[in-house]
Every structure is written in structure tokens, then in C-alpha cells.
PDB file of N, CA and C in Angstrom:
ATOM      1  N   MET A   1      -5.113 -66.566  64.155  1.00  0.00           N
ATOM      2  CA  MET A   1      -5.223 -66.584  62.709  1.00  0.00           C
ATOM      3  C   MET A   1      -6.158 -65.458  62.286  1.00  0.00           C
ATOM      4  N   ARG A   2      -5.877 -64.861  61.179  1.00  0.00           N
ATOM      5  CA  ARG A   2      -6.697 -63.766  60.677  1.00  0.00           C
ATOM      6  C   ARG A   2      -8.017 -64.284  60.116  1.00  0.00           C
ATOM      7  N   ASP A   3      -8.951 -63.370  59.922  1.00  0.00           N
ATOM      8  CA  ASP A   3     -10.260 -63.736  59.380  1.00  0.00           C
ATOM      9  C   ASP A   3     -10.177 -64.199  57.928  1.00  0.00           C
ATOM     10  N   LEU A   4      -9.220 -63.700  57.175  1.00  0.00           N
ATOM     11  CA  LEU A   4      -9.111 -64.014  55.761  1.00  0.00           C
ATOM     12  C   LEU A   4      -8.170 -65.205  55.571  1.00  0.00           C
ATOM     13  N   ALA A   5      -8.639 -66.381  55.908  1.00  0.00           N
ATOM     14  CA  ALA A   5      -7.854 -67.600  55.775  1.00  0.00           C
ATOM     15  C   ALA A   5      -8.675 -68.613  54.976  1.00  0.00           C
ATOM     16  N   TYR A   6      -7.985 -69.556  54.380  1.00  0.00           N
ATOM     17  CA  TYR A   6      -8.626 -70.526  53.510  1.00  0.00           C
ATOM     18  C   TYR A   6      -8.326 -71.933  53.999  1.00  0.00           C
ATOM     19  N   LEU A   7      -9.351 -72.765  54.096  1.00  0.00           N
ATOM     20  CA  LEU A   7      -9.185 -74.159  54.460  1.00  0.00           C
ATOM     21  C   LEU A   7      -8.542 -74.889  53.292  1.00  0.00           C
ATOM     22  N   LEU A   8      -7.489 -75.636  53.569  1.00  0.00           N
ATOM     23  CA  LEU A   8      -6.855 -76.457  52.544  1.00  0.00           C
ATOM     24  C   LEU A   8      -7.516 -77.829  52.604  1.00  0.00           C
ATOM     25  N   ASP A   9      -8.648 -77.932  51.953  1.00  0.00           N
ATOM     26  CA  ASP A   9      -9.492 -79.115  51.999  1.00  0.00           C
ATOM     27  C   ASP A   9      -8.784 -80.321  51.386  1.00  0.00           C
ATOM     28  N   GLY A  10      -8.887 -81.458  52.058  1.00  0.00           N
ATOM     29  CA  GLY A  10      -8.330 -82.698  51.533  1.00  0.00           C
ATOM     30  C   GLY A  10      -6.874 -82.929  51.899  1.00  0.00           C
ATOM     31  N   LEU A  11      -6.277 -82.022  52.663  1.00  0.00           N
ATOM     32  CA  LEU A  11      -4.879 -82.198  53.059  1.00  0.00           C
ATOM     33  C   LEU A  11      -4.788 -82.610  54.517  1.00  0.00           C
ATOM     34  N   ARG A  12      -3.672 -83.232  54.880  1.00  0.00           N
ATOM     35  CA  ARG A  12      -3.461 -83.754  56.223  1.00  0.00           C
ATOM     36  C   ARG A  12      -2.231 -83.101  56.840  1.00  0.00           C
ATOM     37  N   CYS A  13      -2.318 -82.771  58.108  1.00  0.00           N
ATOM     38  CA  CYS A  13      -1.188 -82.211  58.853  1.00  0.00           C
ATOM     39  C   CYS A  13      -0.144 -83.308  59.050  1.00  0.00           C
ATOM     40  N   SER A  14       1.088 -83.029  58.730  1.00  0.00           N
ATOM     41  CA  SER A  14       2.145 -84.031  58.877  1.00  0.00           C
ATOM     42  C   SER A  14       2.567 -84.218  60.331  1.00  0.00           C
ATOM     43  N   ALA A  15       2.219 -83.273  61.206  1.00  0.00           N
ATOM     44  CA  ALA A  15       2.598 -83.390  62.616  1.00  0.00           C
ATOM     45  C   ALA A  15       1.599 -84.230  63.410  1.00  0.00           C
ATOM     46  N   CYS A  16       0.294 -83.949  63.254  1.00  0.00           N
ATOM     47  CA  CYS A  16      -0.716 -84.652  64.061  1.00  0.00           C
ATOM     48  C   CYS A  16      -1.587 -85.601  63.237  1.00  0.00           C
ATOM     49  N   LEU A  17      -1.404 -85.591  61.905  1.00  0.00           N
ATOM     50  CA  LEU A  17      -2.125 -86.462  60.963  1.00  0.00           C
ATOM     51  C   LEU A  17      -3.633 -86.208  60.906  1.00  0.00           C
ATOM     52  N   SER A  18      -4.074 -85.034  61.318  1.00  0.00           N
ATOM     53  CA  SER A  18      -5.496 -84.668  61.232  1.00  0.00           C
ATOM     54  C   SER A  18      -5.827 -84.229  59.812  1.00  0.00           C
ATOM     55  N   ASP A  19      -6.990 -84.665  59.340  1.00  0.00           N
ATOM     56  CA  ASP A  19      -7.466 -84.283  58.007  1.00  0.00           C
ATOM     57  C   ASP A  19      -8.238 -82.973  58.073  1.00  0.00           C
ATOM     58  N   ASN A  20      -8.113 -82.172  57.014  1.00  0.00           N
ATOM     59  CA  ASN A  20      -8.904 -80.945  56.834  1.00  0.00           C
ATOM     60  C   ASN A  20      -8.796 -79.970  57.999  1.00  0.00           C
ATOM     61  N   THR A  21      -7.605 -79.798  58.537  1.00  0.00           N
ATOM     62  CA  THR A  21      -7.397 -78.836  59.624  1.00  0.00           C
ATOM     63  C   THR A  21      -6.356 -77.791  59.254  1.00  0.00           C
ATOM     64  N   LEU A  22      -5.856 -77.827  58.016  1.00  0.00           N
ATOM     65  CA  LEU A  22      -4.835 -76.863  57.587  1.00  0.00           C
ATOM     66  C   LEU A  22      -5.496 -75.624  56.999  1.00  0.00           C
ATOM     67  N   TRP A  23      -5.014 -74.477  57.452  1.00  0.00           N
ATOM     68  CA  TRP A  23      -5.528 -73.192  56.983  1.00  0.00           C
ATOM     69  C   TRP A  23      -4.395 -72.386  56.383  1.00  0.00           C
ATOM     70  N   LEU A  24      -4.654 -71.757  55.268  1.00  0.00           N
ATOM     71  CA  LEU A  24      -3.686 -70.922  54.566  1.00  0.00           C
ATOM     72  C   LEU A  24      -4.044 -69.463  54.777  1.00  0.00           C
ATOM     73  N   ASP A  25      -3.079 -68.696  55.254  1.00  0.00           N
ATOM     74  CA  ASP A  25      -3.239 -67.253  55.420  1.00  0.00           C
ATOM     75  C   ASP A  25      -2.204 -66.588  54.515  1.00  0.00           C
ATOM     76  N   LEU A  26      -2.638 -66.150  53.337  1.00  0.00           N
ATOM     77  CA  LEU A  26      -1.715 -65.559  52.364  1.00  0.00           C
ATOM     78  C   LEU A  26      -1.105 -64.251  52.851  1.00  0.00           C
ATOM     79  N   ALA A  27      -1.882 -63.459  53.571  1.00  0.00           N
ATOM     80  CA  ALA A  27      -1.384 -62.174  54.051  1.00  0.00           C
ATOM     81  C   ALA A  27      -0.216 -62.353  55.014  1.00  0.00           C
ATOM     82  N   ALA A  28      -0.291 -63.369  55.852  1.00  0.00           N
ATOM     83  CA  ALA A  28       0.782 -63.636  56.814  1.00  0.00           C
ATOM     84  C   ALA A  28       1.841 -64.568  56.239  1.00  0.00           C
ATOM     85  N   GLY A  29       1.551 -65.207  55.101  1.00  0.00           N
ATOM     86  CA  GLY A  29       2.483 -66.169  54.526  1.00  0.00           C
ATOM     87  C   GLY A  29       2.632 -67.388  55.415  1.00  0.00           C
ATOM     88  N   LEU A  30       1.501 -67.928  55.874  1.00  0.00           N
ATOM     89  CA  LEU A  30       1.516 -68.985  56.881  1.00  0.00           C
ATOM     90  C   LEU A  30       0.471 -70.048  56.578  1.00  0.00           C
ATOM     91  N   VAL A  31       0.868 -71.305  56.775  1.00  0.00           N
ATOM     92  CA  VAL A  31      -0.070 -72.425  56.810  1.00  0.00           C
ATOM     93  C   VAL A  31      -0.049 -72.931  58.237  1.00  0.00           C
ATOM     94  N   GLU A  32      -1.245 -73.103  58.828  1.00  0.00           N
ATOM     95  CA  GLU A  32      -1.324 -73.509  60.228  1.00  0.00           C
ATOM     96  C   GLU A  32      -2.363 -74.600  60.414  1.00  0.00           C
ATOM     97  N   CYS A  33      -2.046 -75.557  61.290  1.00  0.00           N
ATOM     98  CA  CYS A  33      -2.985 -76.612  61.647  1.00  0.00           C
ATOM     99  C   CYS A  33      -3.825 -76.128  62.822  1.00  0.00           C
ATOM    100  N   ARG A  34      -5.129 -76.144  62.661  1.00  0.00           N
ATOM    101  CA  ARG A  34      -6.019 -75.707  63.737  1.00  0.00           C
ATOM    102  C   ARG A  34      -6.133 -76.757  64.842  1.00  0.00           C
ATOM    103  N   GLU A  35      -5.698 -77.979  64.578  1.00  0.00           N
ATOM    104  CA  GLU A  35      -5.780 -79.045  65.577  1.00  0.00           C
ATOM    105  C   GLU A  35      -4.602 -78.994  66.552  1.00  0.00           C
ATOM    106  N   CYS A  36      -3.374 -78.968  66.021  1.00  0.00           N
ATOM    107  CA  CYS A  36      -2.194 -79.041  66.894  1.00  0.00           C
ATOM    108  C   CYS A  36      -1.422 -77.726  66.988  1.00  0.00           C
ATOM    109  N   GLY A  37      -1.720 -76.769  66.100  1.00  0.00           N
ATOM    110  CA  GLY A  37      -1.046 -75.482  66.152  1.00  0.00           C
ATOM    111  C   GLY A  37       0.259 -75.407  65.370  1.00  0.00           C
ATOM    112  N   GLN A  38       0.657 -76.508  64.759  1.00  0.00           N
ATOM    113  CA  GLN A  38       1.888 -76.518  63.956  1.00  0.00           C
ATOM    114  C   GLN A  38       1.728 -75.533  62.801  1.00  0.00           C
ATOM    115  N   GLY A  39       2.770 -74.771  62.533  1.00  0.00           N
ATOM    116  CA  GLY A  39       2.710 -73.790  61.466  1.00  0.00           C
ATOM    117  C   GLY A  39       3.919 -73.873  60.559  1.00  0.00           C
ATOM    118  N   ALA A  40       3.758 -73.335  59.378  1.00  0.00           N
ATOM    119  CA  ALA A  40       4.853 -73.287  58.417  1.00  0.00           C
ATOM    120  C   ALA A  40       4.741 -71.996  57.624  1.00  0.00           C
ATOM    121  N   LEU A  41       5.845 -71.310  57.472  1.00  0.00           N
ATOM    122  CA  LEU A  41       5.880 -70.110  56.638  1.00  0.00           C
ATOM    123  C   LEU A  41       5.974 -70.525  55.187  1.00  0.00           C
ATOM    124  N   ILE A  42       5.325 -69.762  54.322  1.00  0.00           N
ATOM    125  CA  ILE A  42       5.387 -70.040  52.892  1.00  0.00           C
ATOM    126  C   ILE A  42       6.046 -68.873  52.186  1.00  0.00           C
ATOM    127  N   ASP A  43       6.667 -69.163  51.063  1.00  0.00           N
ATOM    128  CA  ASP A  43       7.306 -68.149  50.239  1.00  0.00           C
ATOM    129  C   ASP A  43       6.720 -68.273  48.839  1.00  0.00           C
ATOM    130  N   PRO A  44       5.679 -67.500  48.555  1.00  0.00           N
ATOM    131  CA  PRO A  44       5.044 -67.612  47.231  1.00  0.00           C
ATOM    132  C   PRO A  44       6.044 -67.301  46.117  1.00  0.00           C
ATOM    133  N   ASP A  45       5.934 -68.026  45.049  1.00  0.00           N
ATOM    134  CA  ASP A  45       6.810 -67.833  43.906  1.00  0.00           C
ATOM    135  C   ASP A  45       6.294 -66.652  43.086  1.00  0.00           C
ATOM    136  N   HIS A  46       6.921 -65.508  43.247  1.00  0.00           N
ATOM    137  CA  HIS A  46       6.478 -64.296  42.564  1.00  0.00           C
ATOM    138  C   HIS A  46       6.797 -64.307  41.072  1.00  0.00           C
ATOM    139  N   ASP A  47       7.703 -65.185  40.627  1.00  0.00           N
ATOM    140  CA  ASP A  47       8.056 -65.246  39.207  1.00  0.00           C
ATOM    141  C   ASP A  47       6.877 -65.699  38.354  1.00  0.00           C
ATOM    142  N   GLU A  48       5.997 -66.554  38.899  1.00  0.00           N
ATOM    143  CA  GLU A  48       4.857 -67.053  38.134  1.00  0.00           C
ATOM    144  C   GLU A  48       3.838 -65.971  37.836  1.00  0.00           C
ATOM    145  N   GLU A  49       3.800 -64.904  38.637  1.00  0.00           N
ATOM    146  CA  GLU A  49       2.858 -63.816  38.414  1.00  0.00           C
ATOM    147  C   GLU A  49       3.191 -63.030  37.158  1.00  0.00           C
ATOM    148  N   ASP A  50       4.440 -63.074  36.715  1.00  0.00           N
ATOM    149  CA  ASP A  50       4.871 -62.327  35.539  1.00  0.00           C
ATOM    150  C   ASP A  50       4.489 -63.006  34.235  1.00  0.00           C
ATOM    151  N   LEU A  51       4.047 -64.258  34.282  1.00  0.00           N
ATOM    152  CA  LEU A  51       3.742 -64.995  33.057  1.00  0.00           C
ATOM    153  C   LEU A  51       2.478 -64.505  32.404  1.00  0.00           C
TER     154      LEU A  51
END
């Protein structure tokens, strides 16, 4: 994981059910669990930036 990541506080990993272990890396477009390693790619909605 890159240095510029953000803890998603208060959320739980759906794979291992650990609390406060999800990290968001916007540059990579990835949410990853630091406990089990499960990851998910994200697709930010660019339409909202135009508002």
C-alpha cells in the first residue's frame, strides 16, 4: 500500500469482519483490508466533480 492512504474509520471488512482495518488509496483506486488483505477496486464518480 502506498504512503498516501486513508483509514476508513468505523467500517468493517466484509471478508474477515475486522473493524477499522480498511484503507483507501485514491491514487491506486483501491480499498484494502490490512488484516486479511482483501481488496476492492473503486471507480470514483467523476460526474459529481462537475457540480
